[in-house]
Amino acid sequence: MKKLIILTFAVFMTLMVQAQTKTEVVFTTEPEMECQNCVKRIKDNLRFEKGVKAINPDLETQRVTIQYDSEKTNPENLIKAFAKIGYKVTVVEPENKQEGKPEEKSTPKSN
């Protein structure tokens, strides 16, 4: 009986861990990232933000993709985190399927 309870509990915990709500957001930065030091600065500072799971800055496309737990943070908090290290960011909306172009949504400038 104890083994059944422990097994049930282990399965339940596994399902809870897998059920985390991971969301992805893509940003463009201002000023643009120019070198690997810019990439390192972004990764090193944003990795400590609560809920951030993965950070992928791309120098070639000038975009930063962040995967995060939507129960712990949101794009507004991430925008504030960028502002702390001197970047104004714009959220890049998912590609518009009708036109095939990405849409950009500007965010208010943070002080």
PDB file of N, CA and C in Angstrom:
ATOM      1  N   MET A   1       0.812  -1.192   0.000  1.00  0.00           N
ATOM      2  CA  MET A   1       0.000   0.000   0.000  1.00  0.00           C
ATOM      3  C   MET A   1       0.860   1.262   0.000  1.00  0.00           C
ATOM      4  N   LYS A   2       1.925   1.254   0.819  1.00  0.00           N
ATOM      5  CA  LYS A   2       2.809   2.405   0.874  1.00  0.00           C
ATOM      6  C   LYS A   2       3.473   2.644  -0.485  1.00  0.00           C
ATOM      7  N   LYS A   3       3.842   1.565  -1.167  1.00  0.00           N
ATOM      8  CA  LYS A   3       4.484   1.703  -2.473  1.00  0.00           C
ATOM      9  C   LYS A   3       3.536   2.348  -3.476  1.00  0.00           C
ATOM     10  N   LEU A   4       2.274   1.997  -3.416  1.00  0.00           N
ATOM     11  CA  LEU A   4       1.279   2.570  -4.313  1.00  0.00           C
ATOM     12  C   LEU A   4       1.108   4.070  -4.050  1.00  0.00           C
ATOM     13  N   ILE A   5       1.069   4.443  -2.795  1.00  0.00           N
ATOM     14  CA  ILE A   5       0.931   5.854  -2.437  1.00  0.00           C
ATOM     15  C   ILE A   5       2.160   6.635  -2.904  1.00  0.00           C
ATOM     16  N   ILE A   6       3.336   6.102  -2.674  1.00  0.00           N
ATOM     17  CA  ILE A   6       4.569   6.769  -3.094  1.00  0.00           C
ATOM     18  C   ILE A   6       4.623   6.880  -4.609  1.00  0.00           C
ATOM     19  N   LEU A   7       4.259   5.833  -5.315  1.00  0.00           N
ATOM     20  CA  LEU A   7       4.256   5.853  -6.777  1.00  0.00           C
ATOM     21  C   LEU A   7       3.263   6.875  -7.303  1.00  0.00           C
ATOM     22  N   THR A   8       2.073   6.923  -6.713  1.00  0.00           N
ATOM     23  CA  THR A   8       1.055   7.896  -7.115  1.00  0.00           C
ATOM     24  C   THR A   8       1.559   9.319  -6.882  1.00  0.00           C
ATOM     25  N   PHE A   9       2.181   9.549  -5.738  1.00  0.00           N
ATOM     26  CA  PHE A   9       2.728  10.863  -5.429  1.00  0.00           C
ATOM     27  C   PHE A   9       3.825  11.246  -6.426  1.00  0.00           C
ATOM     28  N   ALA A  10       4.698  10.316  -6.779  1.00  0.00           N
ATOM     29  CA  ALA A  10       5.785  10.588  -7.730  1.00  0.00           C
ATOM     30  C   ALA A  10       5.223  10.939  -9.107  1.00  0.00           C
ATOM     31  N   VAL A  11       4.206  10.224  -9.550  1.00  0.00           N
ATOM     32  CA  VAL A  11       3.580  10.512 -10.844  1.00  0.00           C
ATOM     33  C   VAL A  11       2.925  11.892 -10.803  1.00  0.00           C
ATOM     34  N   PHE A  12       2.239  12.186  -9.736  1.00  0.00           N
ATOM     35  CA  PHE A  12       1.589  13.488  -9.583  1.00  0.00           C
ATOM     36  C   PHE A  12       2.605  14.624  -9.634  1.00  0.00           C
ATOM     37  N   MET A  13       3.719  14.492  -8.933  1.00  0.00           N
ATOM     38  CA  MET A  13       4.759  15.525  -8.923  1.00  0.00           C
ATOM     39  C   MET A  13       5.373  15.693 -10.313  1.00  0.00           C
ATOM     40  N   THR A  14       5.569  14.607 -11.027  1.00  0.00           N
ATOM     41  CA  THR A  14       6.111  14.669 -12.384  1.00  0.00           C
ATOM     42  C   THR A  14       5.175  15.442 -13.290  1.00  0.00           C
ATOM     43  N   LEU A  15       3.883  15.190 -13.183  1.00  0.00           N
ATOM     44  CA  LEU A  15       2.902  15.908 -13.998  1.00  0.00           C
ATOM     45  C   LEU A  15       2.864  17.388 -13.644  1.00  0.00           C
ATOM     46  N   MET A  16       3.019  17.721 -12.384  1.00  0.00           N
ATOM     47  CA  MET A  16       3.011  19.127 -11.984  1.00  0.00           C
ATOM     48  C   MET A  16       4.215  19.872 -12.559  1.00  0.00           C
ATOM     49  N   VAL A  17       5.364  19.231 -12.537  1.00  0.00           N
ATOM     50  CA  VAL A  17       6.568  19.867 -13.065  1.00  0.00           C
ATOM     51  C   VAL A  17       6.421  20.095 -14.569  1.00  0.00           C
ATOM     52  N   GLN A  18       5.857  19.138 -15.279  1.00  0.00           N
ATOM     53  CA  GLN A  18       5.686  19.263 -16.717  1.00  0.00           C
ATOM     54  C   GLN A  18       4.601  20.261 -17.077  1.00  0.00           C
ATOM     55  N   ALA A  19       3.697  20.554 -16.164  1.00  0.00           N
ATOM     56  CA  ALA A  19       2.568  21.438 -16.450  1.00  0.00           C
ATOM     57  C   ALA A  19       2.912  22.920 -16.301  1.00  0.00           C
ATOM     58  N   GLN A  20       4.170  23.244 -15.979  1.00  0.00           N
ATOM     59  CA  GLN A  20       4.539  24.644 -15.868  1.00  0.00           C
ATOM     60  C   GLN A  20       4.219  25.365 -17.168  1.00  0.00           C
ATOM     61  N   THR A  21       3.739  26.569 -17.041  1.00  0.00           N
ATOM     62  CA  THR A  21       3.354  27.348 -18.199  1.00  0.00           C
ATOM     63  C   THR A  21       4.565  28.096 -18.727  1.00  0.00           C
ATOM     64  N   LYS A  22       5.155  27.569 -19.802  1.00  0.00           N
ATOM     65  CA  LYS A  22       6.293  28.237 -20.417  1.00  0.00           C
ATOM     66  C   LYS A  22       5.793  29.049 -21.596  1.00  0.00           C
ATOM     67  N   THR A  23       6.224  30.271 -21.630  1.00  0.00           N
ATOM     68  CA  THR A  23       5.834  31.183 -22.686  1.00  0.00           C
ATOM     69  C   THR A  23       7.092  31.760 -23.295  1.00  0.00           C
ATOM     70  N   GLU A  24       6.993  32.198 -24.551  1.00  0.00           N
ATOM     71  CA  GLU A  24       8.139  32.767 -25.233  1.00  0.00           C
ATOM     72  C   GLU A  24       7.798  34.155 -25.738  1.00  0.00           C
ATOM     73  N   VAL A  25       8.749  35.078 -25.618  1.00  0.00           N
ATOM     74  CA  VAL A  25       8.587  36.424 -26.128  1.00  0.00           C
ATOM     75  C   VAL A  25       9.887  36.804 -26.836  1.00  0.00           C
ATOM     76  N   VAL A  26       9.751  37.600 -27.909  1.00  0.00           N
ATOM     77  CA  VAL A  26      10.912  38.039 -28.681  1.00  0.00           C
ATOM     78  C   VAL A  26      10.981  39.562 -28.612  1.00  0.00           C
ATOM     79  N   PHE A  27      12.190  40.073 -28.345  1.00  0.00           N
ATOM     80  CA  PHE A  27      12.418  41.504 -28.246  1.00  0.00           C
ATOM     81  C   PHE A  27      13.456  41.956 -29.266  1.00  0.00           C
ATOM     82  N   THR A  28      13.366  43.213 -29.681  1.00  0.00           N
ATOM     83  CA  THR A  28      14.473  43.891 -30.340  1.00  0.00           C
ATOM     84  C   THR A  28      14.978  44.913 -29.337  1.00  0.00           C
ATOM     85  N   THR A  29      16.264  45.230 -29.416  1.00  0.00           N
ATOM     86  CA  THR A  29      16.850  46.130 -28.422  1.00  0.00           C
ATOM     87  C   THR A  29      17.282  47.448 -29.049  1.00  0.00           C
ATOM     88  N   GLU A  30      17.261  48.464 -28.205  1.00  0.00           N
ATOM     89  CA  GLU A  30      17.787  49.771 -28.592  1.00  0.00           C
ATOM     90  C   GLU A  30      18.620  50.267 -27.431  1.00  0.00           C
ATOM     91  N   PRO A  31      19.903  50.462 -27.546  1.00  0.00           N
ATOM     92  CA  PRO A  31      20.696  50.343 -28.759  1.00  0.00           C
ATOM     93  C   PRO A  31      20.835  48.881 -29.180  1.00  0.00           C
ATOM     94  N   GLU A  32      21.189  48.681 -30.435  1.00  0.00           N
ATOM     95  CA  GLU A  32      21.351  47.320 -30.947  1.00  0.00           C
ATOM     96  C   GLU A  32      22.539  46.636 -30.286  1.00  0.00           C
ATOM     97  N   MET A  33      22.472  45.309 -30.249  1.00  0.00           N
ATOM     98  CA  MET A  33      23.600  44.525 -29.759  1.00  0.00           C
ATOM     99  C   MET A  33      24.681  44.576 -30.837  1.00  0.00           C
ATOM    100  N   GLU A  34      25.909  44.869 -30.437  1.00  0.00           N
ATOM    101  CA  GLU A  34      26.987  45.019 -31.406  1.00  0.00           C
ATOM    102  C   GLU A  34      28.040  43.922 -31.330  1.00  0.00           C
ATOM    103  N   CYS A  35      28.144  43.258 -30.176  1.00  0.00           N
ATOM    104  CA  CYS A  35      29.227  42.288 -30.018  1.00  0.00           C
ATOM    105  C   CYS A  35      28.821  41.213 -29.004  1.00  0.00           C
ATOM    106  N   GLN A  36      29.733  40.292 -28.788  1.00  0.00           N
ATOM    107  CA  GLN A  36      29.474  39.218 -27.835  1.00  0.00           C
ATOM    108  C   GLN A  36      29.383  39.747 -26.398  1.00  0.00           C
ATOM    109  N   ASN A  37      30.026  40.881 -26.124  1.00  0.00           N
ATOM    110  CA  ASN A  37      29.903  41.472 -24.787  1.00  0.00           C
ATOM    111  C   ASN A  37      28.475  41.932 -24.518  1.00  0.00           C
ATOM    112  N   CYS A  38      27.790  42.448 -25.548  1.00  0.00           N
ATOM    113  CA  CYS A  38      26.388  42.845 -25.401  1.00  0.00           C
ATOM    114  C   CYS A  38      25.528  41.611 -25.091  1.00  0.00           C
ATOM    115  N   VAL A  39      25.788  40.539 -25.830  1.00  0.00           N
ATOM    116  CA  VAL A  39      25.061  39.283 -25.619  1.00  0.00           C
ATOM    117  C   VAL A  39      25.297  38.782 -24.200  1.00  0.00           C
ATOM    118  N   LYS A  40      26.549  38.789 -23.767  1.00  0.00           N
ATOM    119  CA  LYS A  40      26.886  38.319 -22.423  1.00  0.00           C
ATOM    120  C   LYS A  40      26.219  39.180 -21.358  1.00  0.00           C
ATOM    121  N   ARG A  41      26.214  40.494 -21.559  1.00  0.00           N
ATOM    122  CA  ARG A  41      25.603  41.408 -20.590  1.00  0.00           C
ATOM    123  C   ARG A  41      24.109  41.110 -20.430  1.00  0.00           C
ATOM    124  N   ILE A  42      23.429  40.897 -21.538  1.00  0.00           N
ATOM    125  CA  ILE A  42      21.998  40.588 -21.493  1.00  0.00           C
ATOM    126  C   ILE A  42      21.763  39.262 -20.793  1.00  0.00           C
ATOM    127  N   LYS A  43      22.509  38.230 -21.195  1.00  0.00           N
ATOM    128  CA  LYS A  43      22.319  36.911 -20.590  1.00  0.00           C
ATOM    129  C   LYS A  43      22.640  36.922 -19.094  1.00  0.00           C
ATOM    130  N   ASP A  44      23.755  37.553 -18.742  1.00  0.00           N
ATOM    131  CA  ASP A  44      24.180  37.551 -17.340  1.00  0.00           C
ATOM    132  C   ASP A  44      23.206  38.288 -16.427  1.00  0.00           C
ATOM    133  N   ASN A  45      22.572  39.337 -16.926  1.00  0.00           N
ATOM    134  CA  ASN A  45      21.670  40.121 -16.077  1.00  0.00           C
ATOM    135  C   ASN A  45      20.246  39.591 -16.071  1.00  0.00           C
ATOM    136  N   LEU A  46      19.761  39.101 -17.185  1.00  0.00           N
ATOM    137  CA  LEU A  46      18.372  38.648 -17.229  1.00  0.00           C
ATOM    138  C   LEU A  46      18.169  37.235 -16.685  1.00  0.00           C
ATOM    139  N   ARG A  47      19.232  36.467 -16.590  1.00  0.00           N
ATOM    140  CA  ARG A  47      19.063  35.100 -16.083  1.00  0.00           C
ATOM    141  C   ARG A  47      18.618  35.075 -14.628  1.00  0.00           C
ATOM    142  N   PHE A  48      18.833  36.180 -13.904  1.00  0.00           N
ATOM    143  CA  PHE A  48      18.439  36.240 -12.500  1.00  0.00           C
ATOM    144  C   PHE A  48      17.002  36.715 -12.297  1.00  0.00           C
ATOM    145  N   GLU A  49      16.347  37.102 -13.369  1.00  0.00           N
ATOM    146  CA  GLU A  49      14.950  37.527 -13.242  1.00  0.00           C
ATOM    147  C   GLU A  49      14.078  36.312 -12.918  1.00  0.00           C
ATOM    148  N   LYS A  50      13.179  36.490 -11.996  1.00  0.00           N
ATOM    149  CA  LYS A  50      12.293  35.412 -11.566  1.00  0.00           C
ATOM    150  C   LYS A  50      11.482  34.888 -12.751  1.00  0.00           C
ATOM    151  N   GLY A  51      11.471  33.579 -12.934  1.00  0.00           N
ATOM    152  CA  GLY A  51      10.661  32.937 -13.966  1.00  0.00           C
ATOM    153  C   GLY A  51      11.351  32.755 -15.299  1.00  0.00           C
ATOM    154  N   VAL A  52      12.518  33.355 -15.508  1.00  0.00           N
ATOM    155  CA  VAL A  52      13.210  33.224 -16.793  1.00  0.00           C
ATOM    156  C   VAL A  52      13.802  31.825 -16.899  1.00  0.00           C
ATOM    157  N   LYS A  53      13.472  31.136 -17.984  1.00  0.00           N
ATOM    158  CA  LYS A  53      13.942  29.763 -18.208  1.00  0.00           C
ATOM    159  C   LYS A  53      15.088  29.705 -19.208  1.00  0.00           C
ATOM    160  N   ALA A  54      15.033  30.522 -20.260  1.00  0.00           N
ATOM    161  CA  ALA A  54      16.080  30.509 -21.293  1.00  0.00           C
ATOM    162  C   ALA A  54      16.150  31.877 -21.953  1.00  0.00           C
ATOM    163  N   ILE A  55      17.381  32.282 -22.290  1.00  0.00           N
ATOM    164  CA  ILE A  55      17.609  33.565 -22.965  1.00  0.00           C
ATOM    165  C   ILE A  55      18.461  33.272 -24.191  1.00  0.00           C
ATOM    166  N   ASN A  56      18.004  33.733 -25.360  1.00  0.00           N
ATOM    167  CA  ASN A  56      18.738  33.490 -26.588  1.00  0.00           C
ATOM    168  C   ASN A  56      18.899  34.786 -27.385  1.00  0.00           C
ATOM    169  N   PRO A  57      19.950  35.566 -27.089  1.00  0.00           N
ATOM    170  CA  PRO A  57      20.217  36.757 -27.895  1.00  0.00           C
ATOM    171  C   PRO A  57      20.858  36.340 -29.220  1.00  0.00           C
ATOM    172  N   ASP A  58      20.437  36.941 -30.319  1.00  0.00           N
ATOM    173  CA  ASP A  58      20.963  36.617 -31.637  1.00  0.00           C
ATOM    174  C   ASP A  58      21.479  37.891 -32.301  1.00  0.00           C
ATOM    175  N   LEU A  59      22.802  37.998 -32.418  1.00  0.00           N
ATOM    176  CA  LEU A  59      23.413  39.189 -33.022  1.00  0.00           C
ATOM    177  C   LEU A  59      23.000  39.367 -34.477  1.00  0.00           C
ATOM    178  N   GLU A  60      22.875  38.274 -35.197  1.00  0.00           N
ATOM    179  CA  GLU A  60      22.569  38.352 -36.623  1.00  0.00           C
ATOM    180  C   GLU A  60      21.197  38.964 -36.884  1.00  0.00           C
ATOM    181  N   THR A  61      20.202  38.526 -36.143  1.00  0.00           N
ATOM    182  CA  THR A  61      18.838  39.032 -36.354  1.00  0.00           C
ATOM    183  C   THR A  61      18.505  40.215 -35.453  1.00  0.00           C
ATOM    184  N   GLN A  62      19.391  40.511 -34.509  1.00  0.00           N
ATOM    185  CA  GLN A  62      19.186  41.594 -33.542  1.00  0.00           C
ATOM    186  C   GLN A  62      17.932  41.373 -32.698  1.00  0.00           C
ATOM    187  N   ARG A  63      17.706  40.122 -32.312  1.00  0.00           N
ATOM    188  CA  ARG A  63      16.537  39.781 -31.493  1.00  0.00           C
ATOM    189  C   ARG A  63      16.964  38.966 -30.283  1.00  0.00           C
ATOM    190  N   VAL A  64      16.214  39.122 -29.215  1.00  0.00           N
ATOM    191  CA  VAL A  64      16.446  38.357 -27.993  1.00  0.00           C
ATOM    192  C   VAL A  64      15.175  37.572 -27.715  1.00  0.00           C
ATOM    193  N   THR A  65      15.298  36.252 -27.715  1.00  0.00           N
ATOM    194  CA  THR A  65      14.165  35.377 -27.425  1.00  0.00           C
ATOM    195  C   THR A  65      14.295  34.900 -25.986  1.00  0.00           C
ATOM    196  N   ILE A  66      13.216  35.066 -25.222  1.00  0.00           N
ATOM    197  CA  ILE A  66      13.229  34.658 -23.817  1.00  0.00           C
ATOM    198  C   ILE A  66      12.068  33.700 -23.573  1.00  0.00           C
ATOM    199  N   GLN A  67      12.388  32.553 -22.981  1.00  0.00           N
ATOM    200  CA  GLN A  67      11.365  31.624 -22.521  1.00  0.00           C
ATOM    201  C   GLN A  67      11.222  31.841 -21.018  1.00  0.00           C
ATOM    202  N   TYR A  68       9.974  31.950 -20.570  1.00  0.00           N
ATOM    203  CA  TYR A  68       9.738  32.244 -19.155  1.00  0.00           C
ATOM    204  C   TYR A  68       8.490  31.530 -18.670  1.00  0.00           C
ATOM    205  N   ASP A  69       8.395  31.417 -17.354  1.00  0.00           N
ATOM    206  CA  ASP A  69       7.228  30.836 -16.698  1.00  0.00           C
ATOM    207  C   ASP A  69       6.222  31.964 -16.495  1.00  0.00           C
ATOM    208  N   SER A  70       5.103  31.902 -17.204  1.00  0.00           N
ATOM    209  CA  SER A  70       4.122  32.989 -17.156  1.00  0.00           C
ATOM    210  C   SER A  70       3.420  33.110 -15.807  1.00  0.00           C
ATOM    211  N   GLU A  71       3.600  32.134 -14.941  1.00  0.00           N
ATOM    212  CA  GLU A  71       3.041  32.244 -13.598  1.00  0.00           C
ATOM    213  C   GLU A  71       3.951  33.058 -12.677  1.00  0.00           C
ATOM    214  N   LYS A  72       5.204  33.278 -13.109  1.00  0.00           N
ATOM    215  CA  LYS A  72       6.165  33.982 -12.264  1.00  0.00           C
ATOM    216  C   LYS A  72       6.562  35.350 -12.803  1.00  0.00           C
ATOM    217  N   THR A  73       6.431  35.580 -14.102  1.00  0.00           N
ATOM    218  CA  THR A  73       6.803  36.868 -14.672  1.00  0.00           C
ATOM    219  C   THR A  73       5.986  37.135 -15.926  1.00  0.00           C
ATOM    220  N   ASN A  74       6.229  38.278 -16.550  1.00  0.00           N
ATOM    221  CA  ASN A  74       5.503  38.661 -17.764  1.00  0.00           C
ATOM    222  C   ASN A  74       6.394  39.586 -18.593  1.00  0.00           C
ATOM    223  N   PRO A  75       6.004  39.892 -19.824  1.00  0.00           N
ATOM    224  CA  PRO A  75       6.835  40.754 -20.667  1.00  0.00           C
ATOM    225  C   PRO A  75       7.117  42.128 -20.053  1.00  0.00           C
ATOM    226  N   GLU A  76       6.177  42.682 -19.306  1.00  0.00           N
ATOM    227  CA  GLU A  76       6.393  43.985 -18.685  1.00  0.00           C
ATOM    228  C   GLU A  76       7.554  43.942 -17.695  1.00  0.00           C
ATOM    229  N   ASN A  77       7.634  42.877 -16.905  1.00  0.00           N
ATOM    230  CA  ASN A  77       8.747  42.729 -15.962  1.00  0.00           C
ATOM    231  C   ASN A  77      10.070  42.549 -16.701  1.00  0.00           C
ATOM    232  N   LEU A  78      10.030  41.834 -17.813  1.00  0.00           N
ATOM    233  CA  LEU A  78      11.246  41.642 -18.598  1.00  0.00           C
ATOM    234  C   LEU A  78      11.705  42.956 -19.222  1.00  0.00           C
ATOM    235  N   ILE A  79      10.754  43.778 -19.661  1.00  0.00           N
ATOM    236  CA  ILE A  79      11.087  45.099 -20.215  1.00  0.00           C
ATOM    237  C   ILE A  79      11.782  45.944 -19.148  1.00  0.00           C
ATOM    238  N   LYS A  80      11.290  45.887 -17.912  1.00  0.00           N
ATOM    239  CA  LYS A  80      11.916  46.626 -16.809  1.00  0.00           C
ATOM    240  C   LYS A  80      13.329  46.105 -16.539  1.00  0.00           C
ATOM    241  N   ALA A  81      13.520  44.793 -16.657  1.00  0.00           N
ATOM    242  CA  ALA A  81      14.846  44.208 -16.449  1.00  0.00           C
ATOM    243  C   ALA A  81      15.824  44.692 -17.513  1.00  0.00           C
ATOM    244  N   PHE A  82      15.364  44.799 -18.764  1.00  0.00           N
ATOM    245  CA  PHE A  82      16.220  45.338 -19.820  1.00  0.00           C
ATOM    246  C   PHE A  82      16.577  46.791 -19.524  1.00  0.00           C
ATOM    247  N   ALA A  83      15.599  47.560 -19.045  1.00  0.00           N
ATOM    248  CA  ALA A  83      15.832  48.982 -18.754  1.00  0.00           C
ATOM    249  C   ALA A  83      16.913  49.157 -17.680  1.00  0.00           C
ATOM    250  N   LYS A  84      16.984  48.236 -16.725  1.00  0.00           N
ATOM    251  CA  LYS A  84      17.989  48.311 -15.667  1.00  0.00           C
ATOM    252  C   LYS A  84      19.411  48.231 -16.224  1.00  0.00           C
ATOM    253  N   ILE A  85      19.569  47.572 -17.367  1.00  0.00           N
ATOM    254  CA  ILE A  85      20.911  47.436 -17.948  1.00  0.00           C
ATOM    255  C   ILE A  85      21.095  48.334 -19.171  1.00  0.00           C
ATOM    256  N   GLY A  86      20.175  49.295 -19.337  1.00  0.00           N
ATOM    257  CA  GLY A  86      20.366  50.319 -20.350  1.00  0.00           C
ATOM    258  C   GLY A  86      19.791  50.038 -21.727  1.00  0.00           C
ATOM    259  N   TYR A  87      18.857  49.097 -21.836  1.00  0.00           N
ATOM    260  CA  TYR A  87      18.248  48.796 -23.126  1.00  0.00           C
ATOM    261  C   TYR A  87      16.768  49.138 -23.127  1.00  0.00           C
ATOM    262  N   LYS A  88      16.328  49.788 -24.176  1.00  0.00           N
ATOM    263  CA  LYS A  88      14.904  49.966 -24.441  1.00  0.00           C
ATOM    264  C   LYS A  88      14.555  48.848 -25.414  1.00  0.00           C
ATOM    265  N   VAL A  89      13.510  48.101 -25.120  1.00  0.00           N
ATOM    266  CA  VAL A  89      13.169  46.963 -25.974  1.00  0.00           C
ATOM    267  C   VAL A  89      11.773  47.112 -26.563  1.00  0.00           C
ATOM    268  N   THR A  90      11.590  46.434 -27.685  1.00  0.00           N
ATOM    269  CA  THR A  90      10.312  46.386 -28.365  1.00  0.00           C
ATOM    270  C   THR A  90       9.929  44.926 -28.529  1.00  0.00           C
ATOM    271  N   VAL A  91       8.696  44.596 -28.188  1.00  0.00           N
ATOM    272  CA  VAL A  91       8.214  43.227 -28.356  1.00  0.00           C
ATOM    273  C   VAL A  91       7.932  42.989 -29.837  1.00  0.00           C
ATOM    274  N   VAL A  92       8.451  41.890 -30.358  1.00  0.00           N
ATOM    275  CA  VAL A  92       8.184  41.501 -31.740  1.00  0.00           C
ATOM    276  C   VAL A  92       7.040  40.501 -31.706  1.00  0.00           C
ATOM    277  N   GLU A  93       5.941  40.876 -32.320  1.00  0.00           N
ATOM    278  CA  GLU A  93       4.769  39.999 -32.352  1.00  0.00           C
ATOM    279  C   GLU A  93       5.048  38.802 -33.255  1.00  0.00           C
ATOM    280  N   PRO A  94       4.368  37.675 -33.021  1.00  0.00           N
ATOM    281  CA  PRO A  94       4.522  36.522 -33.900  1.00  0.00           C
ATOM    282  C   PRO A  94       4.188  36.907 -35.338  1.00  0.00           C
ATOM    283  N   GLU A  95       4.762  36.163 -36.267  1.00  0.00           N
ATOM    284  CA  GLU A  95       4.539  36.489 -37.676  1.00  0.00           C
ATOM    285  C   GLU A  95       3.062  36.506 -38.017  1.00  0.00           C
ATOM    286  N   ASN A  96       2.690  37.524 -38.791  1.00  0.00           N
ATOM    287  CA  ASN A  96       1.322  37.640 -39.291  1.00  0.00           C
ATOM    288  C   ASN A  96       1.173  36.643 -40.427  1.00  0.00           C
ATOM    289  N   LYS A  97       0.332  35.663 -40.271  1.00  0.00           N
ATOM    290  CA  LYS A  97       0.215  34.589 -41.257  1.00  0.00           C
ATOM    291  C   LYS A  97      -0.320  35.066 -42.601  1.00  0.00           C
ATOM    292  N   GLN A  98      -1.109  36.148 -42.614  1.00  0.00           N
ATOM    293  CA  GLN A  98      -1.659  36.630 -43.869  1.00  0.00           C
ATOM    294  C   GLN A  98      -0.599  37.318 -44.720  1.00  0.00           C
ATOM    295  N   GLU A  99       0.259  38.105 -44.087  1.00  0.00           N
ATOM    296  CA  GLU A  99       1.247  38.864 -44.835  1.00  0.00           C
ATOM    297  C   GLU A  99       2.626  38.224 -44.812  1.00  0.00           C
ATOM    298  N   GLY A 100       2.897  37.351 -43.845  1.00  0.00           N
ATOM    299  CA  GLY A 100       4.177  36.702 -43.746  1.00  0.00           C
ATOM    300  C   GLY A 100       5.282  37.588 -43.199  1.00  0.00           C
ATOM    301  N   LYS A 101       4.926  38.722 -42.584  1.00  0.00           N
ATOM    302  CA  LYS A 101       5.920  39.632 -42.020  1.00  0.00           C
ATOM    303  C   LYS A 101       5.741  39.703 -40.512  1.00  0.00           C
ATOM    304  N   PRO A 102       6.867  39.829 -39.779  1.00  0.00           N
ATOM    305  CA  PRO A 102       6.714  40.029 -38.340  1.00  0.00           C
ATOM    306  C   PRO A 102       6.236  41.447 -38.063  1.00  0.00           C
ATOM    307  N   GLU A 103       5.417  41.580 -37.046  1.00  0.00           N
ATOM    308  CA  GLU A 103       4.921  42.895 -36.639  1.00  0.00           C
ATOM    309  C   GLU A 103       5.646  43.293 -35.370  1.00  0.00           C
ATOM    310  N   GLU A 104       5.972  44.570 -35.240  1.00  0.00           N
ATOM    311  CA  GLU A 104       6.607  45.060 -34.030  1.00  0.00           C
ATOM    312  C   GLU A 104       5.646  45.958 -33.273  1.00  0.00           C
ATOM    313  N   LYS A 105       5.637  45.789 -31.959  1.00  0.00           N
ATOM    314  CA  LYS A 105       4.803  46.616 -31.106  1.00  0.00           C
ATOM    315  C   LYS A 105       5.741  47.394 -30.193  1.00  0.00           C
ATOM    316  N   SER A 106       5.681  48.704 -30.281  1.00  0.00           N
ATOM    317  CA  SER A 106       6.570  49.555 -29.503  1.00  0.00           C
ATOM    318  C   SER A 106       6.135  49.607 -28.055  1.00  0.00           C
ATOM    319  N   THR A 107       7.117  49.712 -27.166  1.00  0.00           N
ATOM    320  CA  THR A 107       6.824  49.825 -25.748  1.00  0.00           C
ATOM    321  C   THR A 107       7.217  51.224 -25.281  1.00  0.00           C
ATOM    322  N   PRO A 108       6.566  51.719 -24.223  1.00  0.00           N
ATOM    323  CA  PRO A 108       6.922  53.045 -23.724  1.00  0.00           C
ATOM    324  C   PRO A 108       8.351  53.055 -23.190  1.00  0.00           C
ATOM    325  N   LYS A 109       9.018  54.179 -23.332  1.00  0.00           N
ATOM    326  CA  LYS A 109      10.387  54.313 -22.877  1.00  0.00           C
ATOM    327  C   LYS A 109      10.425  54.334 -21.361  1.00  0.00           C
ATOM    328  N   SER A 110      11.321  53.518 -20.779  1.00  0.00           N
ATOM    329  CA  SER A 110      11.472  53.460 -19.333  1.00  0.00           C
ATOM    330  C   SER A 110      12.606  54.367 -18.900  1.00  0.00           C
ATOM    331  N   ASN A 111      12.482  54.909 -17.708  1.00  0.00           N
ATOM    332  CA  ASN A 111      13.557  55.753 -17.164  1.00  0.00           C
ATOM    333  C   ASN A 111      14.422  54.974 -16.224  1.00  0.00           C
TER     334      ASN A 111
END
